Amino acid sequence: MSHTKAQLADLVQVTLKQPHTHGGQPHKEGDKLKVRPDQVKRLKKHGKID
């Protein structure tokens, strides 16, 4: 998936509080990810971030 500059500017950095698979890659608690605002909502809903 390619991103435009506007899309990249909209990404939010989050810190995981639980293990999570993102983009097909496993990540552990404490890892930092850059995600879209809609993904932030979903991660919060599932208790993966604060």
PDB file of N, CA and C in Angstrom:
ATOM      1  N   MET A   1       0.850  -1.177   0.000  1.00  0.00           N
ATOM      2  CA  MET A   1       0.000   0.000   0.000  1.00  0.00           C
ATOM      3  C   MET A   1       0.894   1.237   0.000  1.00  0.00           C
ATOM      4  N   SER A   2       0.668   2.141  -0.924  1.00  0.00           N
ATOM      5  CA  SER A   2       1.460   3.365  -0.962  1.00  0.00           C
ATOM      6  C   SER A   2       0.690   4.472  -0.248  1.00  0.00           C
ATOM      7  N   HIS A   3       1.434   5.407   0.328  1.00  0.00           N
ATOM      8  CA  HIS A   3       0.837   6.524   1.049  1.00  0.00           C
ATOM      9  C   HIS A   3       1.243   7.824   0.373  1.00  0.00           C
ATOM     10  N   THR A   4       0.304   8.767   0.340  1.00  0.00           N
ATOM     11  CA  THR A   4       0.650  10.104  -0.125  1.00  0.00           C
ATOM     12  C   THR A   4       1.238  10.866   1.044  1.00  0.00           C
ATOM     13  N   LYS A   5       1.829  12.042   0.778  1.00  0.00           N
ATOM     14  CA  LYS A   5       2.381  12.848   1.867  1.00  0.00           C
ATOM     15  C   LYS A   5       1.289  13.228   2.861  1.00  0.00           C
ATOM     16  N   ALA A   6       0.089  13.519   2.372  1.00  0.00           N
ATOM     17  CA  ALA A   6      -1.011  13.880   3.263  1.00  0.00           C
ATOM     18  C   ALA A   6      -1.359  12.697   4.162  1.00  0.00           C
ATOM     19  N   GLN A   7      -1.390  11.500   3.623  1.00  0.00           N
ATOM     20  CA  GLN A   7      -1.709  10.325   4.426  1.00  0.00           C
ATOM     21  C   GLN A   7      -0.624  10.089   5.479  1.00  0.00           C
ATOM     22  N   LEU A   8       0.630  10.220   5.099  1.00  0.00           N
ATOM     23  CA  LEU A   8       1.716  10.022   6.052  1.00  0.00           C
ATOM     24  C   LEU A   8       1.649  11.052   7.170  1.00  0.00           C
ATOM     25  N   ALA A   9       1.254  12.270   6.846  1.00  0.00           N
ATOM     26  CA  ALA A   9       1.154  13.325   7.847  1.00  0.00           C
ATOM     27  C   ALA A   9       0.032  13.035   8.839  1.00  0.00           C
ATOM     28  N   ASP A  10      -0.960  12.263   8.423  1.00  0.00           N
ATOM     29  CA  ASP A  10      -2.098  11.946   9.281  1.00  0.00           C
ATOM     30  C   ASP A  10      -1.829  10.787  10.234  1.00  0.00           C
ATOM     31  N   LEU A  11      -0.705  10.100  10.093  1.00  0.00           N
ATOM     32  CA  LEU A  11      -0.415   8.960  10.949  1.00  0.00           C
ATOM     33  C   LEU A  11      -0.127   9.414  12.375  1.00  0.00           C
ATOM     34  N   VAL A  12      -0.528   8.581  13.316  1.00  0.00           N
ATOM     35  CA  VAL A  12      -0.369   8.850  14.742  1.00  0.00           C
ATOM     36  C   VAL A  12       0.536   7.771  15.321  1.00  0.00           C
ATOM     37  N   GLN A  13       1.519   8.177  16.128  1.00  0.00           N
ATOM     38  CA  GLN A  13       2.376   7.188  16.777  1.00  0.00           C
ATOM     39  C   GLN A  13       1.720   6.732  18.072  1.00  0.00           C
ATOM     40  N   VAL A  14       1.625   5.413  18.256  1.00  0.00           N
ATOM     41  CA  VAL A  14       1.049   4.833  19.467  1.00  0.00           C
ATOM     42  C   VAL A  14       2.045   3.850  20.061  1.00  0.00           C
ATOM     43  N   THR A  15       1.892   3.574  21.352  1.00  0.00           N
ATOM     44  CA  THR A  15       2.714   2.592  22.042  1.00  0.00           C
ATOM     45  C   THR A  15       1.810   1.456  22.501  1.00  0.00           C
ATOM     46  N   LEU A  16       2.155   0.252  22.117  1.00  0.00           N
ATOM     47  CA  LEU A  16       1.337  -0.911  22.465  1.00  0.00           C
ATOM     48  C   LEU A  16       1.459  -1.245  23.944  1.00  0.00           C
ATOM     49  N   LYS A  17       0.327  -1.627  24.548  1.00  0.00           N
ATOM     50  CA  LYS A  17       0.372  -2.114  25.927  1.00  0.00           C
ATOM     51  C   LYS A  17       0.115  -3.616  25.980  1.00  0.00           C
ATOM     52  N   GLN A  18      -0.089  -4.224  24.810  1.00  0.00           N
ATOM     53  CA  GLN A  18      -0.250  -5.670  24.669  1.00  0.00           C
ATOM     54  C   GLN A  18       0.367  -6.085  23.344  1.00  0.00           C
ATOM     55  N   PRO A  19       0.766  -7.346  23.209  1.00  0.00           N
ATOM     56  CA  PRO A  19       1.249  -7.816  21.905  1.00  0.00           C
ATOM     57  C   PRO A  19       0.164  -7.639  20.841  1.00  0.00           C
ATOM     58  N   HIS A  20       0.590  -7.413  19.614  1.00  0.00           N
ATOM     59  CA  HIS A  20      -0.355  -7.155  18.527  1.00  0.00           C
ATOM     60  C   HIS A  20       0.325  -7.441  17.189  1.00  0.00           C
ATOM     61  N   THR A  21      -0.444  -7.936  16.222  1.00  0.00           N
ATOM     62  CA  THR A  21       0.064  -8.119  14.868  1.00  0.00           C
ATOM     63  C   THR A  21      -0.440  -6.960  14.025  1.00  0.00           C
ATOM     64  N   HIS A  22       0.481  -6.239  13.399  1.00  0.00           N
ATOM     65  CA  HIS A  22       0.135  -5.072  12.576  1.00  0.00           C
ATOM     66  C   HIS A  22       0.852  -5.220  11.246  1.00  0.00           C
ATOM     67  N   GLY A  23       0.107  -5.134  10.167  1.00  0.00           N
ATOM     68  CA  GLY A  23       0.710  -5.262   8.840  1.00  0.00           C
ATOM     69  C   GLY A  23       1.354  -6.627   8.636  1.00  0.00           C
ATOM     70  N   GLY A  24       0.797  -7.639   9.304  1.00  0.00           N
ATOM     71  CA  GLY A  24       1.322  -8.996   9.174  1.00  0.00           C
ATOM     72  C   GLY A  24       2.575  -9.249  10.000  1.00  0.00           C
ATOM     73  N   GLN A  25       3.003  -8.259  10.773  1.00  0.00           N
ATOM     74  CA  GLN A  25       4.215  -8.387  11.588  1.00  0.00           C
ATOM     75  C   GLN A  25       3.853  -8.391  13.083  1.00  0.00           C
ATOM     76  N   PRO A  26       4.391  -9.343  13.834  1.00  0.00           N
ATOM     77  CA  PRO A  26       4.113  -9.341  15.278  1.00  0.00           C
ATOM     78  C   PRO A  26       4.885  -8.222  15.980  1.00  0.00           C
ATOM     79  N   HIS A  27       4.230  -7.598  16.937  1.00  0.00           N
ATOM     80  CA  HIS A  27       4.842  -6.540  17.744  1.00  0.00           C
ATOM     81  C   HIS A  27       4.580  -6.860  19.209  1.00  0.00           C
ATOM     82  N   LYS A  28       5.511  -6.454  20.080  1.00  0.00           N
ATOM     83  CA  LYS A  28       5.374  -6.753  21.502  1.00  0.00           C
ATOM     84  C   LYS A  28       4.963  -5.506  22.283  1.00  0.00           C
ATOM     85  N   GLU A  29       4.579  -5.733  23.527  1.00  0.00           N
ATOM     86  CA  GLU A  29       4.233  -4.636  24.420  1.00  0.00           C
ATOM     87  C   GLU A  29       5.379  -3.627  24.462  1.00  0.00           C
ATOM     88  N   GLY A  30       5.033  -2.348  24.362  1.00  0.00           N
ATOM     89  CA  GLY A  30       6.034  -1.283  24.394  1.00  0.00           C
ATOM     90  C   GLY A  30       6.505  -0.831  23.020  1.00  0.00           C
ATOM     91  N   ASP A  31       6.221  -1.632  21.983  1.00  0.00           N
ATOM     92  CA  ASP A  31       6.605  -1.226  20.628  1.00  0.00           C
ATOM     93  C   ASP A  31       5.801  -0.009  20.210  1.00  0.00           C
ATOM     94  N   LYS A  32       6.407   0.833  19.401  1.00  0.00           N
ATOM     95  CA  LYS A  32       5.746   2.025  18.872  1.00  0.00           C
ATOM     96  C   LYS A  32       5.385   1.768  17.403  1.00  0.00           C
ATOM     97  N   LEU A  33       4.153   2.121  17.042  1.00  0.00           N
ATOM     98  CA  LEU A  33       3.663   1.968  15.674  1.00  0.00           C
ATOM     99  C   LEU A  33       3.100   3.290  15.192  1.00  0.00           C
ATOM    100  N   LYS A  34       3.142   3.516  13.895  1.00  0.00           N
ATOM    101  CA  LYS A  34       2.465   4.660  13.294  1.00  0.00           C
ATOM    102  C   LYS A  34       1.239   4.117  12.566  1.00  0.00           C
ATOM    103  N   VAL A  35       0.077   4.616  12.980  1.00  0.00           N
ATOM    104  CA  VAL A  35      -1.191   4.113  12.455  1.00  0.00           C
ATOM    105  C   VAL A  35      -2.119   5.265  12.086  1.00  0.00           C
ATOM    106  N   ARG A  36      -3.137   4.954  11.293  1.00  0.00           N
ATOM    107  CA  ARG A  36      -4.151   5.942  10.920  1.00  0.00           C
ATOM    108  C   ARG A  36      -5.084   6.203  12.108  1.00  0.00           C
ATOM    109  N   PRO A  37      -5.737   7.359  12.132  1.00  0.00           N
ATOM    110  CA  PRO A  37      -6.667   7.669  13.228  1.00  0.00           C
ATOM    111  C   PRO A  37      -7.765   6.616  13.422  1.00  0.00           C
ATOM    112  N   ASP A  38      -8.272   6.028  12.349  1.00  0.00           N
ATOM    113  CA  ASP A  38      -9.307   4.993  12.503  1.00  0.00           C
ATOM    114  C   ASP A  38      -8.734   3.747  13.174  1.00  0.00           C
ATOM    115  N   GLN A  39      -7.456   3.470  12.951  1.00  0.00           N
ATOM    116  CA  GLN A  39      -6.820   2.331  13.597  1.00  0.00           C
ATOM    117  C   GLN A  39      -6.614   2.603  15.093  1.00  0.00           C
ATOM    118  N   VAL A  40      -6.367   3.867  15.449  1.00  0.00           N
ATOM    119  CA  VAL A  40      -6.229   4.227  16.861  1.00  0.00           C
ATOM    120  C   VAL A  40      -7.510   3.852  17.599  1.00  0.00           C
ATOM    121  N   LYS A  41      -8.655   4.207  17.034  1.00  0.00           N
ATOM    122  CA  LYS A  41      -9.941   3.888  17.667  1.00  0.00           C
ATOM    123  C   LYS A  41     -10.094   2.391  17.878  1.00  0.00           C
ATOM    124  N   ARG A  42      -9.758   1.617  16.867  1.00  0.00           N
ATOM    125  CA  ARG A  42      -9.896   0.152  16.942  1.00  0.00           C
ATOM    126  C   ARG A  42      -8.928  -0.432  17.982  1.00  0.00           C
ATOM    127  N   LEU A  43      -7.691   0.062  18.001  1.00  0.00           N
ATOM    128  CA  LEU A  43      -6.714  -0.431  18.981  1.00  0.00           C
ATOM    129  C   LEU A  43      -7.148  -0.110  20.413  1.00  0.00           C
ATOM    130  N   LYS A  44      -7.718   1.086  20.621  1.00  0.00           N
ATOM    131  CA  LYS A  44      -8.217   1.454  21.943  1.00  0.00           C
ATOM    132  C   LYS A  44      -9.384   0.548  22.335  1.00  0.00           C
ATOM    133  N   LYS A  45     -10.279   0.317  21.417  1.00  0.00           N
ATOM    134  CA  LYS A  45     -11.453  -0.529  21.672  1.00  0.00           C
ATOM    135  C   LYS A  45     -11.038  -1.918  22.135  1.00  0.00           C
ATOM    136  N   HIS A  46      -9.955  -2.436  21.563  1.00  0.00           N
ATOM    137  CA  HIS A  46      -9.485  -3.785  21.894  1.00  0.00           C
ATOM    138  C   HIS A  46      -8.448  -3.802  23.011  1.00  0.00           C
ATOM    139  N   GLY A  47      -8.209  -2.650  23.647  1.00  0.00           N
ATOM    140  CA  GLY A  47      -7.314  -2.585  24.785  1.00  0.00           C
ATOM    141  C   GLY A  47      -5.842  -2.718  24.455  1.00  0.00           C
ATOM    142  N   LYS A  48      -5.469  -2.477  23.211  1.00  0.00           N
ATOM    143  CA  LYS A  48      -4.076  -2.609  22.795  1.00  0.00           C
ATOM    144  C   LYS A  48      -3.259  -1.359  23.106  1.00  0.00           C
ATOM    145  N   ILE A  49      -3.939  -0.194  23.214  1.00  0.00           N
ATOM    146  CA  ILE A  49      -3.289   1.078  23.543  1.00  0.00           C
ATOM    147  C   ILE A  49      -4.181   1.832  24.514  1.00  0.00           C
ATOM    148  N   ASP A  50      -3.621   2.860  25.166  1.00  0.00           N
ATOM    149  CA  ASP A  50      -4.413   3.727  26.047  1.00  0.00           C
ATOM    150  C   ASP A  50      -5.019   4.862  25.261  1.00  0.00           C
TER     151      ASP A  50
END
